[in-house]
Amino acid sequence: MRQRMFTLLAGMALGMVLLSGGYAASTALTATVSNQPIYVDGQRVYLTAYHIGGNNFVKLRDIGQAVGFNVYWDGTVQIESDKPYTGVIPSSQTPVPTQLIPTVPTEASAQAAIKALRDTYPHGTAYPTPYRPNNPLSRPYTNCDHCAGWAMLCSDAAFGDLPWRYQTAPAWSDIRAGDLVRYDNSYGGHVVVVVDKTDEYILVTESGANNKVRWSGQYFKWWLEEQPGYARWTRYP
């Protein structure tokens, strides 16, 4: 069985090589679902296979599940032939953020930290909810989902454990990248994360009641300053 597994993996690797680079660029290939029966140790297994260029291709993770070896993605494909399939990164190998939050944050460092989240949470994707418990109680929101949860996730990425400060009716010149700007609305209130600012408006990231991230929102100065409850949460010293 182990020998057949490695033979199968070698064939998969060869197939990926043939489908990359100049071969794929110069040959028009089409994929159709394959009905080729597949057996493991004499027992038929039902895997989704595709017929491409005269060969059958199966997802590596599906092979891992069927044959009994672990496959997971940590930026590269990892195969553990002596471990059962889980499909997840071992907890001891879970990547940790490499970006360090400076002791004295700047607008540039806050912008970089928040914009980096876009790779993990593109526009329209859901963020983990609830983000985290409101502990310590000095955190501004107890509702750790919807707009507030996403706002705190972004702020923590930019400022770590720095304390919060609240400012009512802030001057426009006070608002900086990474700040949270809130106002009252018919749902009780809304809070957004400042990504950039001009003399006329702020560009923000935010989340709605569906807990899905939105990027490139725009709020004009004149409109915000007319809203009830207009305020600023900041963590700049």
C-alpha atoms as a PDB file:
ATOM      1  CA  MET A   1       0.000   0.000   0.000  1.00  0.00           C
ATOM      2  CA  ARG A   2       2.776   2.433   0.927  1.00  0.00           C
ATOM      3  CA  GLN A   3       4.553   1.699  -2.354  1.00  0.00           C
ATOM      4  CA  ARG A   4       1.371   2.338  -4.311  1.00  0.00           C
ATOM      5  CA  MET A   5       0.870   5.582  -2.408  1.00  0.00           C
ATOM      6  CA  PHE A   6       4.268   6.924  -3.381  1.00  0.00           C
ATOM      7  CA  THR A   7       3.794   5.789  -6.973  1.00  0.00           C
ATOM      8  CA  LEU A   8       0.524   7.695  -7.059  1.00  0.00           C
ATOM      9  CA  LEU A   9       2.113  10.803  -5.548  1.00  0.00           C
ATOM     10  CA  ALA A  10       4.937  10.652  -8.057  1.00  0.00           C
ATOM     11  CA  GLY A  11       2.397  10.506 -10.866  1.00  0.00           C
ATOM     12  CA  MET A  12       0.561  13.478  -9.420  1.00  0.00           C
ATOM     13  CA  ALA A  13       3.762  15.487  -9.177  1.00  0.00           C
ATOM     14  CA  LEU A  14       4.646  14.634 -12.772  1.00  0.00           C
ATOM     15  CA  GLY A  15       1.184  15.694 -13.886  1.00  0.00           C
ATOM     16  CA  MET A  16       1.536  19.052 -12.133  1.00  0.00           C
ATOM     17  CA  VAL A  17       4.893  19.621 -13.809  1.00  0.00           C
ATOM     18  CA  LEU A  18       3.452  18.817 -17.229  1.00  0.00           C
ATOM     19  CA  LEU A  19       0.588  21.234 -16.647  1.00  0.00           C
ATOM     20  CA  SER A  20       2.829  24.125 -15.665  1.00  0.00           C
ATOM     21  CA  GLY A  21       5.101  26.464 -17.543  1.00  0.00           C
ATOM     22  CA  GLY A  22       5.410  26.318 -21.298  1.00  0.00           C
ATOM     23  CA  TYR A  23       3.323  23.193 -21.774  1.00  0.00           C
ATOM     24  CA  ALA A  24       0.201  24.741 -20.273  1.00  0.00           C
ATOM     25  CA  ALA A  25       0.823  28.007 -22.050  1.00  0.00           C
ATOM     26  CA  SER A  26       1.210  26.431 -25.458  1.00  0.00           C
ATOM     27  CA  THR A  27      -1.498  23.733 -25.306  1.00  0.00           C
ATOM     28  CA  ALA A  28      -5.222  24.286 -25.019  1.00  0.00           C
ATOM     29  CA  LEU A  29      -6.411  21.913 -22.292  1.00  0.00           C
ATOM     30  CA  THR A  30      -9.933  21.120 -21.207  1.00  0.00           C
ATOM     31  CA  ALA A  31     -11.064  19.288 -18.087  1.00  0.00           C
ATOM     32  CA  THR A  32     -14.022  16.915 -17.874  1.00  0.00           C
ATOM     33  CA  VAL A  33     -15.216  14.853 -14.946  1.00  0.00           C
ATOM     34  CA  SER A  34     -13.721  11.362 -15.206  1.00  0.00           C
ATOM     35  CA  ASN A  35     -15.733   8.200 -14.580  1.00  0.00           C
ATOM     36  CA  GLN A  36     -12.620   6.052 -14.261  1.00  0.00           C
ATOM     37  CA  PRO A  37     -13.106   3.702 -11.259  1.00  0.00           C
ATOM     38  CA  ILE A  38     -10.469   4.010  -8.503  1.00  0.00           C
ATOM     39  CA  TYR A  39      -9.556   1.235  -6.056  1.00  0.00           C
ATOM     40  CA  VAL A  40      -7.553   1.281  -2.811  1.00  0.00           C
ATOM     41  CA  ASP A  41      -6.435  -2.158  -1.620  1.00  0.00           C
ATOM     42  CA  GLY A  42      -9.070  -3.775  -3.803  1.00  0.00           C
ATOM     43  CA  GLN A  43     -11.909  -1.629  -2.479  1.00  0.00           C
ATOM     44  CA  ARG A  44     -13.487   0.924  -4.774  1.00  0.00           C
ATOM     45  CA  VAL A  45     -13.359   4.490  -3.538  1.00  0.00           C
ATOM     46  CA  TYR A  46     -15.308   7.365  -5.007  1.00  0.00           C
ATOM     47  CA  LEU A  47     -13.104  10.373  -5.635  1.00  0.00           C
ATOM     48  CA  THR A  48     -13.814  13.353  -7.844  1.00  0.00           C
ATOM     49  CA  ALA A  49     -11.427  12.936 -10.768  1.00  0.00           C
ATOM     50  CA  TYR A  50     -10.849  15.043 -13.864  1.00  0.00           C
ATOM     51  CA  HIS A  51      -9.703  13.933 -17.296  1.00  0.00           C
ATOM     52  CA  ILE A  52      -7.136  16.429 -18.594  1.00  0.00           C
ATOM     53  CA  GLY A  53      -4.856  15.923 -21.569  1.00  0.00           C
ATOM     54  CA  GLY A  54      -5.310  12.138 -21.580  1.00  0.00           C
ATOM     55  CA  ASN A  55      -4.647  11.732 -17.847  1.00  0.00           C
ATOM     56  CA  ASN A  56      -6.829  11.456 -14.762  1.00  0.00           C
ATOM     57  CA  PHE A  57      -6.217  13.943 -11.942  1.00  0.00           C
ATOM     58  CA  VAL A  58      -7.431  13.700  -8.355  1.00  0.00           C
ATOM     59  CA  LYS A  59      -7.052  16.208  -5.512  1.00  0.00           C
ATOM     60  CA  LEU A  60      -4.109  15.349  -3.310  1.00  0.00           C
ATOM     61  CA  ARG A  61      -6.144  15.865  -0.128  1.00  0.00           C
ATOM     62  CA  ASP A  62      -8.735  13.375  -1.401  1.00  0.00           C
ATOM     63  CA  ILE A  63      -5.977  10.815  -1.927  1.00  0.00           C
ATOM     64  CA  GLY A  64      -4.727  11.482   1.604  1.00  0.00           C
ATOM     65  CA  GLN A  65      -8.166  10.775   3.011  1.00  0.00           C
ATOM     66  CA  ALA A  66      -8.631   7.627   0.954  1.00  0.00           C
ATOM     67  CA  VAL A  67      -5.160   6.153   1.477  1.00  0.00           C
ATOM     68  CA  GLY A  68      -4.533   7.420   5.003  1.00  0.00           C
ATOM     69  CA  PHE A  69      -1.772  10.033   5.107  1.00  0.00           C
ATOM     70  CA  ASN A  70      -1.891  13.666   6.153  1.00  0.00           C
ATOM     71  CA  VAL A  71      -1.878  16.577   3.720  1.00  0.00           C
ATOM     72  CA  TYR A  72      -2.096  20.223   4.722  1.00  0.00           C
ATOM     73  CA  TRP A  73      -1.249  23.689   3.423  1.00  0.00           C
ATOM     74  CA  ASP A  74       0.978  26.126   5.340  1.00  0.00           C
ATOM     75  CA  GLY A  75       2.063  28.207   2.368  1.00  0.00           C
ATOM     76  CA  THR A  76       3.448  25.070   0.749  1.00  0.00           C
ATOM     77  CA  VAL A  77       1.997  21.578   0.337  1.00  0.00           C
ATOM     78  CA  GLN A  78       3.018  19.382   3.271  1.00  0.00           C
ATOM     79  CA  ILE A  79       2.671  15.570   3.216  1.00  0.00           C
ATOM     80  CA  GLU A  80       3.090  13.448   6.348  1.00  0.00           C
ATOM     81  CA  SER A  81       3.156   9.855   5.131  1.00  0.00           C
ATOM     82  CA  ASP A  82       3.314   8.378   8.656  1.00  0.00           C
ATOM     83  CA  LYS A  83       0.338  10.292  10.089  1.00  0.00           C
ATOM     84  CA  PRO A  84      -3.413   9.949   9.551  1.00  0.00           C
ATOM     85  CA  TYR A  85      -5.246  12.514   7.480  1.00  0.00           C
ATOM     86  CA  THR A  86      -6.479  15.668   9.225  1.00  0.00           C
ATOM     87  CA  GLY A  87      -5.988  18.340   6.568  1.00  0.00           C
ATOM     88  CA  VAL A  88      -4.995  20.948   9.165  1.00  0.00           C
ATOM     89  CA  ILE A  89      -1.693  22.407  10.293  1.00  0.00           C
ATOM     90  CA  PRO A  90      -0.408  20.739  13.486  1.00  0.00           C
ATOM     91  CA  SER A  91      -0.993  23.100  16.396  1.00  0.00           C
ATOM     92  CA  SER A  92       2.713  23.299  17.151  1.00  0.00           C
ATOM     93  CA  GLN A  93       3.287  24.551  13.624  1.00  0.00           C
ATOM     94  CA  THR A  94       0.477  27.111  13.409  1.00  0.00           C
ATOM     95  CA  PRO A  95       2.032  30.243  11.885  1.00  0.00           C
ATOM     96  CA  VAL A  96       2.177  33.309  14.082  1.00  0.00           C
ATOM     97  CA  PRO A  97       2.189  36.852  12.695  1.00  0.00           C
ATOM     98  CA  THR A  98       5.694  38.048  11.973  1.00  0.00           C
ATOM     99  CA  GLN A  99       4.786  41.717  11.873  1.00  0.00           C
ATOM    100  CA  LEU A 100       5.854  43.438  15.070  1.00  0.00           C
ATOM    101  CA  ILE A 101       3.764  46.265  16.481  1.00  0.00           C
ATOM    102  CA  PRO A 102       6.086  49.184  17.215  1.00  0.00           C
ATOM    103  CA  THR A 103       6.285  50.538  20.763  1.00  0.00           C
ATOM    104  CA  VAL A 104       5.201  53.917  19.426  1.00  0.00           C
ATOM    105  CA  PRO A 105       2.818  53.228  16.542  1.00  0.00           C
ATOM    106  CA  THR A 106       2.705  55.501  13.532  1.00  0.00           C
ATOM    107  CA  GLU A 107       0.022  56.021  10.931  1.00  0.00           C
ATOM    108  CA  ALA A 108       2.206  54.168   8.439  1.00  0.00           C
ATOM    109  CA  SER A 109       2.512  51.136  10.725  1.00  0.00           C
ATOM    110  CA  ALA A 110      -1.233  51.169  11.467  1.00  0.00           C
ATOM    111  CA  GLN A 111      -2.063  51.372   7.754  1.00  0.00           C
ATOM    112  CA  ALA A 112       0.308  48.510   6.932  1.00  0.00           C
ATOM    113  CA  ALA A 113      -1.167  46.253   9.626  1.00  0.00           C
ATOM    114  CA  ILE A 114      -4.753  46.917   8.574  1.00  0.00           C
ATOM    115  CA  LYS A 115      -4.089  46.593   4.846  1.00  0.00           C
ATOM    116  CA  ALA A 116      -2.302  43.275   5.490  1.00  0.00           C
ATOM    117  CA  LEU A 117      -5.606  41.908   6.824  1.00  0.00           C
ATOM    118  CA  ARG A 118      -7.047  42.243   3.338  1.00  0.00           C
ATOM    119  CA  ASP A 119      -5.050  39.193   2.229  1.00  0.00           C
ATOM    120  CA  THR A 120      -6.796  37.095   4.889  1.00  0.00           C
ATOM    121  CA  TYR A 121     -10.187  38.787   4.711  1.00  0.00           C
ATOM    122  CA  PRO A 122     -10.916  39.988   1.162  1.00  0.00           C
ATOM    123  CA  HIS A 123     -13.973  42.097   0.462  1.00  0.00           C
ATOM    124  CA  GLY A 124     -17.157  40.175   1.195  1.00  0.00           C
ATOM    125  CA  THR A 125     -15.624  37.443   3.353  1.00  0.00           C
ATOM    126  CA  ALA A 126     -16.721  36.713   6.907  1.00  0.00           C
ATOM    127  CA  TYR A 127     -14.391  37.347   9.831  1.00  0.00           C
ATOM    128  CA  PRO A 128     -14.256  35.074  12.938  1.00  0.00           C
ATOM    129  CA  THR A 129     -17.055  35.918  15.359  1.00  0.00           C
ATOM    130  CA  PRO A 130     -17.215  36.627  18.126  1.00  0.00           C
ATOM    131  CA  TYR A 131     -13.768  38.102  17.643  1.00  0.00           C
ATOM    132  CA  ARG A 132     -12.774  37.758  21.299  1.00  0.00           C
ATOM    133  CA  PRO A 133     -14.388  38.332  24.704  1.00  0.00           C
ATOM    134  CA  ASN A 134     -14.521  41.877  25.990  1.00  0.00           C
ATOM    135  CA  ASN A 135     -11.724  41.293  28.477  1.00  0.00           C
ATOM    136  CA  PRO A 136     -10.389  43.474  29.981  1.00  0.00           C
ATOM    137  CA  LEU A 137     -13.524  45.527  30.411  1.00  0.00           C
ATOM    138  CA  SER A 138     -11.669  48.618  29.267  1.00  0.00           C
ATOM    139  CA  ARG A 139     -12.229  47.422  25.707  1.00  0.00           C
ATOM    140  CA  PRO A 140     -14.844  49.658  24.105  1.00  0.00           C
ATOM    141  CA  TYR A 141     -17.382  47.084  22.928  1.00  0.00           C
ATOM    142  CA  THR A 142     -19.045  44.067  24.507  1.00  0.00           C
ATOM    143  CA  ASN A 143     -20.640  43.110  21.177  1.00  0.00           C
ATOM    144  CA  CYS A 144     -17.734  41.306  19.508  1.00  0.00           C
ATOM    145  CA  ASP A 145     -19.391  40.701  16.163  1.00  0.00           C
ATOM    146  CA  HIS A 146     -20.828  42.860  13.395  1.00  0.00           C
ATOM    147  CA  CYS A 147     -19.082  46.218  12.949  1.00  0.00           C
ATOM    148  CA  ALA A 148     -17.638  46.353  16.483  1.00  0.00           C
ATOM    149  CA  GLY A 149     -15.903  42.985  16.341  1.00  0.00           C
ATOM    150  CA  TRP A 150     -14.222  43.736  13.026  1.00  0.00           C
ATOM    151  CA  ALA A 151     -13.205  47.202  14.255  1.00  0.00           C
ATOM    152  CA  MET A 152     -11.512  45.722  17.332  1.00  0.00           C
ATOM    153  CA  LEU A 153      -9.805  43.005  15.281  1.00  0.00           C
ATOM    154  CA  CYS A 154      -8.290  45.679  13.023  1.00  0.00           C
ATOM    155  CA  SER A 155      -7.311  47.866  15.954  1.00  0.00           C
ATOM    156  CA  ASP A 156      -5.620  44.986  17.787  1.00  0.00           C
ATOM    157  CA  ALA A 157      -3.658  44.140  14.625  1.00  0.00           C
ATOM    158  CA  ALA A 158      -2.407  47.723  14.455  1.00  0.00           C
ATOM    159  CA  PHE A 159      -1.927  48.554  18.142  1.00  0.00           C
ATOM    160  CA  GLY A 160      -1.651  45.303  20.102  1.00  0.00           C
ATOM    161  CA  ASP A 161      -2.571  45.849  23.749  1.00  0.00           C
ATOM    162  CA  LEU A 162      -2.214  49.630  23.859  1.00  0.00           C
ATOM    163  CA  PRO A 163      -4.964  51.336  25.898  1.00  0.00           C
ATOM    164  CA  TRP A 164      -7.981  53.016  24.358  1.00  0.00           C
ATOM    165  CA  ARG A 165      -8.993  56.684  24.556  1.00  0.00           C
ATOM    166  CA  TYR A 166     -12.440  58.068  23.717  1.00  0.00           C
ATOM    167  CA  GLN A 167     -13.051  61.484  22.182  1.00  0.00           C
ATOM    168  CA  THR A 168     -16.469  62.971  21.477  1.00  0.00           C
ATOM    169  CA  ALA A 169     -16.956  65.226  18.451  1.00  0.00           C
ATOM    170  CA  PRO A 170     -13.307  65.003  17.397  1.00  0.00           C
ATOM    171  CA  ALA A 171     -11.713  67.682  15.267  1.00  0.00           C
ATOM    172  CA  TRP A 172     -11.025  66.424  11.757  1.00  0.00           C
ATOM    173  CA  SER A 173      -7.311  67.013  12.296  1.00  0.00           C
ATOM    174  CA  ASP A 174      -7.374  64.609  15.261  1.00  0.00           C
ATOM    175  CA  ILE A 175      -8.458  61.586  13.211  1.00  0.00           C
ATOM    176  CA  ARG A 176      -5.628  59.261  12.178  1.00  0.00           C
ATOM    177  CA  ALA A 177      -5.234  55.990  10.305  1.00  0.00           C
ATOM    178  CA  GLY A 178      -6.164  53.102  12.604  1.00  0.00           C
ATOM    179  CA  ASP A 179      -8.669  55.123  14.643  1.00  0.00           C
ATOM    180  CA  LEU A 180     -12.237  53.916  15.052  1.00  0.00           C
ATOM    181  CA  VAL A 181     -14.917  56.438  14.119  1.00  0.00           C
ATOM    182  CA  ARG A 182     -18.473  55.865  15.345  1.00  0.00           C
ATOM    183  CA  TYR A 183     -21.849  57.527  14.999  1.00  0.00           C
ATOM    184  CA  ASP A 184     -25.436  56.778  16.005  1.00  0.00           C
ATOM    185  CA  ASN A 185     -27.933  55.341  13.551  1.00  0.00           C
ATOM    186  CA  SER A 186     -31.307  53.609  13.594  1.00  0.00           C
ATOM    187  CA  TYR A 187     -29.662  50.332  14.685  1.00  0.00           C
ATOM    188  CA  GLY A 188     -28.023  51.923  17.716  1.00  0.00           C
ATOM    189  CA  GLY A 189     -24.725  52.898  16.128  1.00  0.00           C
ATOM    190  CA  HIS A 190     -22.026  52.017  13.649  1.00  0.00           C
ATOM    191  CA  VAL A 191     -18.234  52.021  13.885  1.00  0.00           C
ATOM    192  CA  VAL A 192     -15.664  52.048  11.062  1.00  0.00           C
ATOM    193  CA  VAL A 193     -11.881  51.722  10.898  1.00  0.00           C
ATOM    194  CA  VAL A 194      -9.954  54.573   9.315  1.00  0.00           C
ATOM    195  CA  VAL A 195      -7.510  53.376   6.664  1.00  0.00           C
ATOM    196  CA  ASP A 196      -6.706  56.764   5.135  1.00  0.00           C
ATOM    197  CA  LYS A 197      -7.903  60.375   5.335  1.00  0.00           C
ATOM    198  CA  THR A 198      -8.089  63.439   3.108  1.00  0.00           C
ATOM    199  CA  ASP A 199      -9.315  66.935   3.897  1.00  0.00           C
ATOM    200  CA  GLU A 200     -12.792  65.906   2.729  1.00  0.00           C
ATOM    201  CA  TYR A 201     -13.350  62.256   3.658  1.00  0.00           C
ATOM    202  CA  ILE A 202     -12.016  59.111   5.321  1.00  0.00           C
ATOM    203  CA  LEU A 203     -11.460  55.781   3.567  1.00  0.00           C
ATOM    204  CA  VAL A 204     -12.447  52.913   5.825  1.00  0.00           C
ATOM    205  CA  THR A 205     -12.888  49.197   6.294  1.00  0.00           C
ATOM    206  CA  GLU A 206     -16.016  48.043   8.100  1.00  0.00           C
ATOM    207  CA  SER A 207     -18.419  45.180   8.668  1.00  0.00           C
ATOM    208  CA  GLY A 208     -22.184  45.018   8.712  1.00  0.00           C
ATOM    209  CA  ALA A 209     -24.731  42.832  10.455  1.00  0.00           C
ATOM    210  CA  ASN A 210     -23.732  39.869   8.261  1.00  0.00           C
ATOM    211  CA  ASN A 211     -20.204  39.865   9.771  1.00  0.00           C
ATOM    212  CA  LYS A 212     -18.668  40.235   6.314  1.00  0.00           C
ATOM    213  CA  VAL A 213     -15.759  42.569   5.710  1.00  0.00           C
ATOM    214  CA  ARG A 214     -16.100  45.597   3.446  1.00  0.00           C
ATOM    215  CA  TRP A 215     -13.153  47.555   2.090  1.00  0.00           C
ATOM    216  CA  SER A 216     -12.835  50.989   0.450  1.00  0.00           C
ATOM    217  CA  GLY A 217     -15.818  52.586   2.159  1.00  0.00           C
ATOM    218  CA  GLN A 218     -15.907  56.385   2.106  1.00  0.00           C
ATOM    219  CA  TYR A 219     -17.397  58.791   4.660  1.00  0.00           C
ATOM    220  CA  PHE A 220     -17.412  62.534   4.073  1.00  0.00           C
ATOM    221  CA  LYS A 221     -16.328  64.980   6.759  1.00  0.00           C
ATOM    222  CA  TRP A 222     -19.429  67.143   6.500  1.00  0.00           C
ATOM    223  CA  TRP A 223     -21.726  64.139   6.863  1.00  0.00           C
ATOM    224  CA  LEU A 224     -19.931  62.590   9.849  1.00  0.00           C
ATOM    225  CA  GLU A 225     -19.807  65.871  11.736  1.00  0.00           C
ATOM    226  CA  GLU A 226     -23.595  66.172  11.422  1.00  0.00           C
ATOM    227  CA  GLN A 227     -24.299  62.688  12.856  1.00  0.00           C
ATOM    228  CA  PRO A 228     -25.403  62.208  16.474  1.00  0.00           C
ATOM    229  CA  GLY A 229     -22.925  60.304  18.610  1.00  0.00           C
ATOM    230  CA  TYR A 230     -20.004  61.203  16.323  1.00  0.00           C
ATOM    231  CA  ALA A 231     -16.879  60.147  18.244  1.00  0.00           C
ATOM    232  CA  ARG A 232     -13.432  58.626  17.982  1.00  0.00           C
ATOM    233  CA  TRP A 233     -11.724  55.679  19.668  1.00  0.00           C
ATOM    234  CA  THR A 234      -7.943  55.906  19.410  1.00  0.00           C
ATOM    235  CA  ARG A 235      -4.928  54.026  20.767  1.00  0.00           C
ATOM    236  CA  TYR A 236      -2.237  56.457  19.814  1.00  0.00           C
ATOM    237  CA  PRO A 237      -0.317  57.566  22.941  1.00  0.00           C
END
